mmCIF file of all heavy atoms, coordinates in Angstrom:
data_MODEL
# 
_entry.id   MODEL 
# 
loop_
_atom_site.group_PDB 
_atom_site.id 
_atom_site.type_symbol 
_atom_site.label_atom_id 
_atom_site.label_alt_id 
_atom_site.label_comp_id 
_atom_site.label_asym_id 
_atom_site.label_entity_id 
_atom_site.label_seq_id 
_atom_site.pdbx_PDB_ins_code 
_atom_site.Cartn_x 
_atom_site.Cartn_y 
_atom_site.Cartn_z 
_atom_site.occupancy 
_atom_site.B_iso_or_equiv 
_atom_site.pdbx_formal_charge 
_atom_site.auth_seq_id 
_atom_site.auth_comp_id 
_atom_site.auth_asym_id 
_atom_site.auth_atom_id 
_atom_site.pdbx_PDB_model_num 
ATOM 1   N N   . ALA A 1 1  ? 10.002  -10.017 7.839   1.00 0.00 ? 1  ALA A N   1 
ATOM 2   C CA  . ALA A 1 1  ? 10.053  -8.600  7.511   1.00 0.00 ? 1  ALA A CA  1 
ATOM 3   C C   . ALA A 1 1  ? 8.989   -7.809  8.277   1.00 0.00 ? 1  ALA A C   1 
ATOM 4   O O   . ALA A 1 1  ? 7.803   -8.148  8.207   1.00 0.00 ? 1  ALA A O   1 
ATOM 5   C CB  . ALA A 1 1  ? 9.860   -8.390  6.009   1.00 0.00 ? 1  ALA A CB  1 
ATOM 6   N N   . ALA A 1 2  ? 9.399   -6.806  9.010   1.00 0.00 ? 2  ALA A N   1 
ATOM 7   C CA  . ALA A 1 2  ? 8.472   -5.860  9.666   1.00 0.00 ? 2  ALA A CA  1 
ATOM 8   C C   . ALA A 1 2  ? 8.297   -4.697  8.720   1.00 0.00 ? 2  ALA A C   1 
ATOM 9   O O   . ALA A 1 2  ? 9.205   -3.900  8.493   1.00 0.00 ? 2  ALA A O   1 
ATOM 10  C CB  . ALA A 1 2  ? 9.043   -5.407  10.968  1.00 0.00 ? 2  ALA A CB  1 
ATOM 11  N N   . VAL A 1 3  ? 7.100   -4.632  8.119   1.00 0.00 ? 3  VAL A N   1 
ATOM 12  C CA  . VAL A 1 3  ? 6.859   -3.706  6.996   1.00 0.00 ? 3  VAL A CA  1 
ATOM 13  C C   . VAL A 1 3  ? 6.287   -2.393  7.516   1.00 0.00 ? 3  VAL A C   1 
ATOM 14  O O   . VAL A 1 3  ? 5.122   -2.328  7.891   1.00 0.00 ? 3  VAL A O   1 
ATOM 15  C CB  . VAL A 1 3  ? 5.892   -4.370  5.981   1.00 0.00 ? 3  VAL A CB  1 
ATOM 16  C CG1 . VAL A 1 3  ? 5.683   -3.465  4.767   1.00 0.00 ? 3  VAL A CG1 1 
ATOM 17  C CG2 . VAL A 1 3  ? 6.466   -5.721  5.521   1.00 0.00 ? 3  VAL A CG2 1 
ATOM 18  N N   . ASN A 1 4  ? 7.090   -1.369  7.465   1.00 0.00 ? 4  ASN A N   1 
ATOM 19  C CA  . ASN A 1 4  ? 6.699   -0.071  8.035   1.00 0.00 ? 4  ASN A CA  1 
ATOM 20  C C   . ASN A 1 4  ? 7.106   1.078   7.114   1.00 0.00 ? 4  ASN A C   1 
ATOM 21  O O   . ASN A 1 4  ? 7.808   1.996   7.486   1.00 0.00 ? 4  ASN A O   1 
ATOM 22  C CB  . ASN A 1 4  ? 7.395   0.117   9.396   1.00 0.00 ? 4  ASN A CB  1 
ATOM 23  C CG  . ASN A 1 4  ? 6.862   1.314   10.177  1.00 0.00 ? 4  ASN A CG  1 
ATOM 24  O OD1 . ASN A 1 4  ? 5.625   1.390   10.447  1.00 0.00 ? 4  ASN A OD1 1 
ATOM 25  N ND2 . ASN A 1 4  ? 7.716   2.219   10.537  1.00 0.00 ? 4  ASN A ND2 1 
ATOM 26  N N   . ALA A 1 5  ? 6.720   0.939   5.841   1.00 0.00 ? 5  ALA A N   1 
ATOM 27  C CA  . ALA A 1 5  ? 7.163   1.853   4.790   1.00 0.00 ? 5  ALA A CA  1 
ATOM 28  C C   . ALA A 1 5  ? 6.343   3.132   4.750   1.00 0.00 ? 5  ALA A C   1 
ATOM 29  O O   . ALA A 1 5  ? 5.139   3.130   5.047   1.00 0.00 ? 5  ALA A O   1 
ATOM 30  C CB  . ALA A 1 5  ? 7.122   1.166   3.433   1.00 0.00 ? 5  ALA A CB  1 
ATOM 31  N N   . ILE A 1 6  ? 6.988   4.225   4.337   1.00 0.00 ? 6  ILE A N   1 
ATOM 32  C CA  . ILE A 1 6  ? 6.229   5.442   4.060   1.00 0.00 ? 6  ILE A CA  1 
ATOM 33  C C   . ILE A 1 6  ? 5.425   5.307   2.769   1.00 0.00 ? 6  ILE A C   1 
ATOM 34  O O   . ILE A 1 6  ? 4.417   5.959   2.559   1.00 0.00 ? 6  ILE A O   1 
ATOM 35  C CB  . ILE A 1 6  ? 7.163   6.674   3.985   1.00 0.00 ? 6  ILE A CB  1 
ATOM 36  C CG1 . ILE A 1 6  ? 6.334   7.955   4.064   1.00 0.00 ? 6  ILE A CG1 1 
ATOM 37  C CG2 . ILE A 1 6  ? 8.013   6.647   2.732   1.00 0.00 ? 6  ILE A CG2 1 
ATOM 38  C CD1 . ILE A 1 6  ? 7.176   9.219   4.199   1.00 0.00 ? 6  ILE A CD1 1 
ATOM 39  N N   . GLY A 1 7  ? 5.883   4.403   1.889   1.00 0.00 ? 7  GLY A N   1 
ATOM 40  C CA  . GLY A 1 7  ? 5.204   4.191   0.612   1.00 0.00 ? 7  GLY A CA  1 
ATOM 41  C C   . GLY A 1 7  ? 4.144   3.095   0.671   1.00 0.00 ? 7  GLY A C   1 
ATOM 42  O O   . GLY A 1 7  ? 3.605   2.779   1.726   1.00 0.00 ? 7  GLY A O   1 
ATOM 43  N N   . ASP A 1 8  ? 3.842   2.530   -0.491  1.00 0.00 ? 8  ASP A N   1 
ATOM 44  C CA  . ASP A 1 8  ? 2.781   1.568   -0.666  1.00 0.00 ? 8  ASP A CA  1 
ATOM 45  C C   . ASP A 1 8  ? 3.362   0.163   -0.905  1.00 0.00 ? 8  ASP A C   1 
ATOM 46  O O   . ASP A 1 8  ? 4.512   0.004   -1.293  1.00 0.00 ? 8  ASP A O   1 
ATOM 47  C CB  . ASP A 1 8  ? 1.899   1.949   -1.843  1.00 0.00 ? 8  ASP A CB  1 
ATOM 48  C CG  . ASP A 1 8  ? 1.419   3.387   -1.778  1.00 0.00 ? 8  ASP A CG  1 
ATOM 49  O OD1 . ASP A 1 8  ? 1.167   3.849   -0.652  1.00 0.00 ? 8  ASP A OD1 1 
ATOM 50  O OD2 . ASP A 1 8  ? 1.332   4.046   -2.834  1.00 0.00 ? 8  ASP A OD2 1 
ATOM 51  N N   . ILE A 1 9  ? 2.515   -0.859  -0.720  1.00 0.00 ? 9  ILE A N   1 
ATOM 52  C CA  . ILE A 1 9  ? 2.916   -2.224  -0.923  1.00 0.00 ? 9  ILE A CA  1 
ATOM 53  C C   . ILE A 1 9  ? 2.226   -2.781  -2.179  1.00 0.00 ? 9  ILE A C   1 
ATOM 54  O O   . ILE A 1 9  ? 1.012   -2.613  -2.356  1.00 0.00 ? 9  ILE A O   1 
ATOM 55  C CB  . ILE A 1 9  ? 2.561   -3.118  0.286   1.00 0.00 ? 9  ILE A CB  1 
ATOM 56  C CG1 . ILE A 1 9  ? 3.135   -2.483  1.552   1.00 0.00 ? 9  ILE A CG1 1 
ATOM 57  C CG2 . ILE A 1 9  ? 3.123   -4.519  0.080   1.00 0.00 ? 9  ILE A CG2 1 
ATOM 58  C CD1 . ILE A 1 9  ? 4.630   -2.251  1.563   1.00 0.00 ? 9  ILE A CD1 1 
ATOM 59  N N   . TYR A 1 10 ? 3.014   -3.433  -3.031  1.00 0.00 ? 10 TYR A N   1 
ATOM 60  C CA  . TYR A 1 10 ? 2.506   -3.988  -4.287  1.00 0.00 ? 10 TYR A CA  1 
ATOM 61  C C   . TYR A 1 10 ? 2.675   -5.493  -4.279  1.00 0.00 ? 10 TYR A C   1 
ATOM 62  O O   . TYR A 1 10 ? 3.672   -6.022  -3.733  1.00 0.00 ? 10 TYR A O   1 
ATOM 63  C CB  . TYR A 1 10 ? 3.276   -3.423  -5.479  1.00 0.00 ? 10 TYR A CB  1 
ATOM 64  C CG  . TYR A 1 10 ? 2.952   -1.965  -5.788  1.00 0.00 ? 10 TYR A CG  1 
ATOM 65  C CD1 . TYR A 1 10 ? 3.368   -0.951  -4.932  1.00 0.00 ? 10 TYR A CD1 1 
ATOM 66  C CD2 . TYR A 1 10 ? 2.189   -1.612  -6.893  1.00 0.00 ? 10 TYR A CD2 1 
ATOM 67  C CE1 . TYR A 1 10 ? 3.072   0.363   -5.186  1.00 0.00 ? 10 TYR A CE1 1 
ATOM 68  C CE2 . TYR A 1 10 ? 1.884   -0.302  -7.157  1.00 0.00 ? 10 TYR A CE2 1 
ATOM 69  C CZ  . TYR A 1 10 ? 2.318   0.711   -6.309  1.00 0.00 ? 10 TYR A CZ  1 
ATOM 70  O OH  . TYR A 1 10 ? 2.010   2.011   -6.557  1.00 0.00 ? 10 TYR A OH  1 
ATOM 71  N N   . ASN A 1 11 ? 1.702   -6.208  -4.849  1.00 0.00 ? 11 ASN A N   1 
ATOM 72  C CA  . ASN A 1 11 ? 1.795   -7.670  -4.864  1.00 0.00 ? 11 ASN A CA  1 
ATOM 73  C C   . ASN A 1 11 ? 2.685   -8.112  -6.037  1.00 0.00 ? 11 ASN A C   1 
ATOM 74  O O   . ASN A 1 11 ? 3.246   -7.288  -6.780  1.00 0.00 ? 11 ASN A O   1 
ATOM 75  C CB  . ASN A 1 11 ? 0.410   -8.316  -4.952  1.00 0.00 ? 11 ASN A CB  1 
ATOM 76  C CG  . ASN A 1 11 ? -0.342  -7.931  -6.260  1.00 0.00 ? 11 ASN A CG  1 
ATOM 77  O OD1 . ASN A 1 11 ? 0.223   -7.434  -7.180  1.00 0.00 ? 11 ASN A OD1 1 
ATOM 78  N ND2 . ASN A 1 11 ? -1.637  -8.222  -6.237  1.00 0.00 ? 11 ASN A ND2 1 
ATOM 79  N N   . GLY A 1 12 ? 2.799   -9.439  -6.227  1.00 0.00 ? 12 GLY A N   1 
ATOM 80  C CA  . GLY A 1 12 ? 3.669   -9.947  -7.277  1.00 0.00 ? 12 GLY A CA  1 
ATOM 81  C C   . GLY A 1 12 ? 3.267   -9.582  -8.666  1.00 0.00 ? 12 GLY A C   1 
ATOM 82  O O   . GLY A 1 12 ? 4.090   -9.603  -9.600  1.00 0.00 ? 12 GLY A O   1 
ATOM 83  N N   . ALA A 1 13 ? 1.999   -9.218  -8.873  1.00 0.00 ? 13 ALA A N   1 
ATOM 84  C CA  . ALA A 1 13 ? 1.519   -8.803  -10.189 1.00 0.00 ? 13 ALA A CA  1 
ATOM 85  C C   . ALA A 1 13 ? 1.684   -7.302  -10.406 1.00 0.00 ? 13 ALA A C   1 
ATOM 86  O O   . ALA A 1 13 ? 1.278   -6.786  -11.480 1.00 0.00 ? 13 ALA A O   1 
ATOM 87  C CB  . ALA A 1 13 ? 0.057   -9.183  -10.359 1.00 0.00 ? 13 ALA A CB  1 
ATOM 88  N N   . GLY A 1 14 ? 2.256   -6.608  -9.453  1.00 0.00 ? 14 GLY A N   1 
ATOM 89  C CA  . GLY A 1 14 ? 2.472   -5.175  -9.588  1.00 0.00 ? 14 GLY A CA  1 
ATOM 90  C C   . GLY A 1 14 ? 1.254   -4.332  -9.243  1.00 0.00 ? 14 GLY A C   1 
ATOM 91  O O   . GLY A 1 14 ? 1.210   -3.148  -9.640  1.00 0.00 ? 14 GLY A O   1 
ATOM 92  N N   . ASN A 1 15 ? 0.301   -4.886  -8.557  1.00 0.00 ? 15 ASN A N   1 
ATOM 93  C CA  . ASN A 1 15 ? -0.889  -4.151  -8.147  1.00 0.00 ? 15 ASN A CA  1 
ATOM 94  C C   . ASN A 1 15 ? -0.797  -3.702  -6.698  1.00 0.00 ? 15 ASN A C   1 
ATOM 95  O O   . ASN A 1 15 ? -0.392  -4.461  -5.833  1.00 0.00 ? 15 ASN A O   1 
ATOM 96  C CB  . ASN A 1 15 ? -2.149  -5.016  -8.335  1.00 0.00 ? 15 ASN A CB  1 
ATOM 97  C CG  . ASN A 1 15 ? -2.375  -5.430  -9.772  1.00 0.00 ? 15 ASN A CG  1 
ATOM 98  O OD1 . ASN A 1 15 ? -2.200  -4.628  -10.685 1.00 0.00 ? 15 ASN A OD1 1 
ATOM 99  N ND2 . ASN A 1 15 ? -2.749  -6.688  -9.974  1.00 0.00 ? 15 ASN A ND2 1 
ATOM 100 N N   . ILE A 1 16 ? -1.209  -2.485  -6.446  1.00 0.00 ? 16 ILE A N   1 
ATOM 101 C CA  . ILE A 1 16 ? -1.122  -1.943  -5.076  1.00 0.00 ? 16 ILE A CA  1 
ATOM 102 C C   . ILE A 1 16 ? -2.142  -2.635  -4.188  1.00 0.00 ? 16 ILE A C   1 
ATOM 103 O O   . ILE A 1 16 ? -3.309  -2.824  -4.554  1.00 0.00 ? 16 ILE A O   1 
ATOM 104 C CB  . ILE A 1 16 ? -1.354  -0.405  -5.110  1.00 0.00 ? 16 ILE A CB  1 
ATOM 105 C CG1 . ILE A 1 16 ? -1.106  0.192   -3.749  1.00 0.00 ? 16 ILE A CG1 1 
ATOM 106 C CG2 . ILE A 1 16 ? -2.732  -0.058  -5.634  1.00 0.00 ? 16 ILE A CG2 1 
ATOM 107 C CD1 . ILE A 1 16 ? -1.092  1.717   -3.768  1.00 0.00 ? 16 ILE A CD1 1 
ATOM 108 N N   . ILE A 1 17 ? -1.688  -3.077  -3.005  1.00 0.00 ? 17 ILE A N   1 
ATOM 109 C CA  . ILE A 1 17 ? -2.573  -3.789  -2.091  1.00 0.00 ? 17 ILE A CA  1 
ATOM 110 C C   . ILE A 1 17 ? -2.710  -3.088  -0.746  1.00 0.00 ? 17 ILE A C   1 
ATOM 111 O O   . ILE A 1 17 ? -3.630  -3.372  0.043   1.00 0.00 ? 17 ILE A O   1 
ATOM 112 C CB  . ILE A 1 17 ? -2.101  -5.231  -1.881  1.00 0.00 ? 17 ILE A CB  1 
ATOM 113 C CG1 . ILE A 1 17 ? -0.664  -5.263  -1.372  1.00 0.00 ? 17 ILE A CG1 1 
ATOM 114 C CG2 . ILE A 1 17 ? -2.257  -6.044  -3.147  1.00 0.00 ? 17 ILE A CG2 1 
ATOM 115 C CD1 . ILE A 1 17 ? -0.181  -6.657  -1.022  1.00 0.00 ? 17 ILE A CD1 1 
ATOM 116 N N   . ALA A 1 18 ? -1.789  -2.146  -0.465  1.00 0.00 ? 18 ALA A N   1 
ATOM 117 C CA  . ALA A 1 18 ? -1.894  -1.404  0.782   1.00 0.00 ? 18 ALA A CA  1 
ATOM 118 C C   . ALA A 1 18 ? -1.071  -0.121  0.631   1.00 0.00 ? 18 ALA A C   1 
ATOM 119 O O   . ALA A 1 18 ? -0.036  -0.136  -0.028  1.00 0.00 ? 18 ALA A O   1 
ATOM 120 C CB  . ALA A 1 18 ? -1.376  -2.189  1.968   1.00 0.00 ? 18 ALA A CB  1 
ATOM 121 N N   . GLY A 1 19 ? -1.570  0.946   1.221   1.00 0.00 ? 19 GLY A N   1 
ATOM 122 C CA  . GLY A 1 19 ? -0.824  2.202   1.098   1.00 0.00 ? 19 GLY A CA  1 
ATOM 123 C C   . GLY A 1 19 ? -1.685  3.419   1.395   1.00 0.00 ? 19 GLY A C   1 
ATOM 124 O O   . GLY A 1 19 ? -2.656  3.349   2.150   1.00 0.00 ? 19 GLY A O   1 
ATOM 125 N N   . LEU A 1 20 ? -1.334  4.524   0.777   1.00 0.00 ? 20 LEU A N   1 
ATOM 126 C CA  . LEU A 1 20 ? -2.009  5.787   0.974   1.00 0.00 ? 20 LEU A CA  1 
ATOM 127 C C   . LEU A 1 20 ? -3.461  5.701   0.520   1.00 0.00 ? 20 LEU A C   1 
ATOM 128 O O   . LEU A 1 20 ? -3.719  5.391   -0.645  1.00 0.00 ? 20 LEU A O   1 
ATOM 129 C CB  . LEU A 1 20 ? -1.271  6.890   0.214   1.00 0.00 ? 20 LEU A CB  1 
ATOM 130 C CG  . LEU A 1 20 ? -1.890  8.291   0.260   1.00 0.00 ? 20 LEU A CG  1 
ATOM 131 C CD1 . LEU A 1 20 ? -1.869  8.840   1.680   1.00 0.00 ? 20 LEU A CD1 1 
ATOM 132 C CD2 . LEU A 1 20 ? -1.148  9.223   -0.674  1.00 0.00 ? 20 LEU A CD2 1 
ATOM 133 N N   . ARG A 1 21 ? -4.367  6.025   1.427   1.00 0.00 ? 21 ARG A N   1 
ATOM 134 C CA  . ARG A 1 21 ? -5.795  5.972   1.109   1.00 0.00 ? 21 ARG A CA  1 
ATOM 135 C C   . ARG A 1 21 ? -6.286  7.281   0.518   1.00 0.00 ? 21 ARG A C   1 
ATOM 136 O O   . ARG A 1 21 ? -5.675  8.329   0.679   1.00 0.00 ? 21 ARG A O   1 
ATOM 137 C CB  . ARG A 1 21 ? -6.592  5.622   2.335   1.00 0.00 ? 21 ARG A CB  1 
ATOM 138 C CG  . ARG A 1 21 ? -6.437  4.193   2.841   1.00 0.00 ? 21 ARG A CG  1 
ATOM 139 C CD  . ARG A 1 21 ? -7.272  3.950   4.078   1.00 0.00 ? 21 ARG A CD  1 
ATOM 140 N NE  . ARG A 1 21 ? -6.802  4.695   5.229   1.00 0.00 ? 21 ARG A NE  1 
ATOM 141 C CZ  . ARG A 1 21 ? -7.548  5.150   6.194   1.00 0.00 ? 21 ARG A CZ  1 
ATOM 142 N NH1 . ARG A 1 21 ? -8.864  4.990   6.125   1.00 0.00 ? 21 ARG A NH1 1 
ATOM 143 N NH2 . ARG A 1 21 ? -7.024  5.794   7.216   1.00 0.00 ? 21 ARG A NH2 1 
ATOM 144 N N   . SER A 1 22 ? -7.439  7.162   -0.136  1.00 0.00 ? 22 SER A N   1 
ATOM 145 C CA  . SER A 1 22 ? -8.121  8.362   -0.670  1.00 0.00 ? 22 SER A CA  1 
ATOM 146 C C   . SER A 1 22 ? -8.550  9.283   0.499   1.00 0.00 ? 22 SER A C   1 
ATOM 147 O O   . SER A 1 22 ? -8.564  8.854   1.665   1.00 0.00 ? 22 SER A O   1 
ATOM 148 C CB  . SER A 1 22 ? -9.306  7.994   -1.538  1.00 0.00 ? 22 SER A CB  1 
ATOM 149 O OG  . SER A 1 22 ? -10.213 7.191   -0.776  1.00 0.00 ? 22 SER A OG  1 
ATOM 150 N N   . GLU A 1 23 ? -8.971  10.498  0.186   1.00 0.00 ? 23 GLU A N   1 
ATOM 151 C CA  . GLU A 1 23 ? -9.358  11.448  1.249   1.00 0.00 ? 23 GLU A CA  1 
ATOM 152 C C   . GLU A 1 23 ? -10.549 10.930  2.053   1.00 0.00 ? 23 GLU A C   1 
ATOM 153 O O   . GLU A 1 23 ? -10.633 11.188  3.248   1.00 0.00 ? 23 GLU A O   1 
ATOM 154 C CB  . GLU A 1 23 ? -9.695  12.807  0.626   1.00 0.00 ? 23 GLU A CB  1 
ATOM 155 C CG  . GLU A 1 23 ? -8.458  13.493  0.040   1.00 0.00 ? 23 GLU A CG  1 
ATOM 156 C CD  . GLU A 1 23 ? -8.780  14.915  -0.407  1.00 0.00 ? 23 GLU A CD  1 
ATOM 157 O OE1 . GLU A 1 23 ? -9.912  15.371  -0.162  1.00 0.00 ? 23 GLU A OE1 1 
ATOM 158 O OE2 . GLU A 1 23 ? -7.913  15.541  -1.018  1.00 0.00 ? 23 GLU A OE2 1 
ATOM 159 N N   . ASP A 1 24 ? -11.450 10.194  1.415   1.00 0.00 ? 24 ASP A N   1 
ATOM 160 C CA  . ASP A 1 24 ? -12.594 9.657   2.171   1.00 0.00 ? 24 ASP A CA  1 
ATOM 161 C C   . ASP A 1 24 ? -12.226 8.347   2.906   1.00 0.00 ? 24 ASP A C   1 
ATOM 162 O O   . ASP A 1 24 ? -13.038 7.819   3.672   1.00 0.00 ? 24 ASP A O   1 
ATOM 163 C CB  . ASP A 1 24 ? -13.789 9.428   1.264   1.00 0.00 ? 24 ASP A CB  1 
ATOM 164 C CG  . ASP A 1 24 ? -13.537 8.421   0.140   1.00 0.00 ? 24 ASP A CG  1 
ATOM 165 O OD1 . ASP A 1 24 ? -12.485 7.741   0.192   1.00 0.00 ? 24 ASP A OD1 1 
ATOM 166 O OD2 . ASP A 1 24 ? -14.374 8.330   -0.788  1.00 0.00 ? 24 ASP A OD2 1 
ATOM 167 N N   . GLY A 1 25 ? -11.024 7.858   2.654   1.00 0.00 ? 25 GLY A N   1 
ATOM 168 C CA  . GLY A 1 25 ? -10.543 6.676   3.351   1.00 0.00 ? 25 GLY A CA  1 
ATOM 169 C C   . GLY A 1 25 ? -11.111 5.353   2.867   1.00 0.00 ? 25 GLY A C   1 
ATOM 170 O O   . GLY A 1 25 ? -10.793 4.283   3.420   1.00 0.00 ? 25 GLY A O   1 
ATOM 171 N N   . GLU A 1 26 ? -11.943 5.381   1.802   1.00 0.00 ? 26 GLU A N   1 
ATOM 172 C CA  . GLU A 1 26 ? -12.615 4.175   1.372   1.00 0.00 ? 26 GLU A CA  1 
ATOM 173 C C   . GLU A 1 26 ? -11.787 3.303   0.388   1.00 0.00 ? 26 GLU A C   1 
ATOM 174 O O   . GLU A 1 26 ? -12.009 2.113   0.288   1.00 0.00 ? 26 GLU A O   1 
ATOM 175 C CB  . GLU A 1 26 ? -13.953 4.542   0.694   1.00 0.00 ? 26 GLU A CB  1 
ATOM 176 C CG  . GLU A 1 26 ? -14.936 5.233   1.662   1.00 0.00 ? 26 GLU A CG  1 
ATOM 177 C CD  . GLU A 1 26 ? -15.304 4.316   2.820   1.00 0.00 ? 26 GLU A CD  1 
ATOM 178 O OE1 . GLU A 1 26 ? -15.489 3.126   2.594   1.00 0.00 ? 26 GLU A OE1 1 
ATOM 179 O OE2 . GLU A 1 26 ? -15.433 4.842   3.937   1.00 0.00 ? 26 GLU A OE2 1 
# 
């Protein structure tokens, strides 16, 4: 899978692991 989503990626536990960052980027 080439993952190029406009949204975020969640792991098997339903926790966000990659996606839209905060304004400070941290």
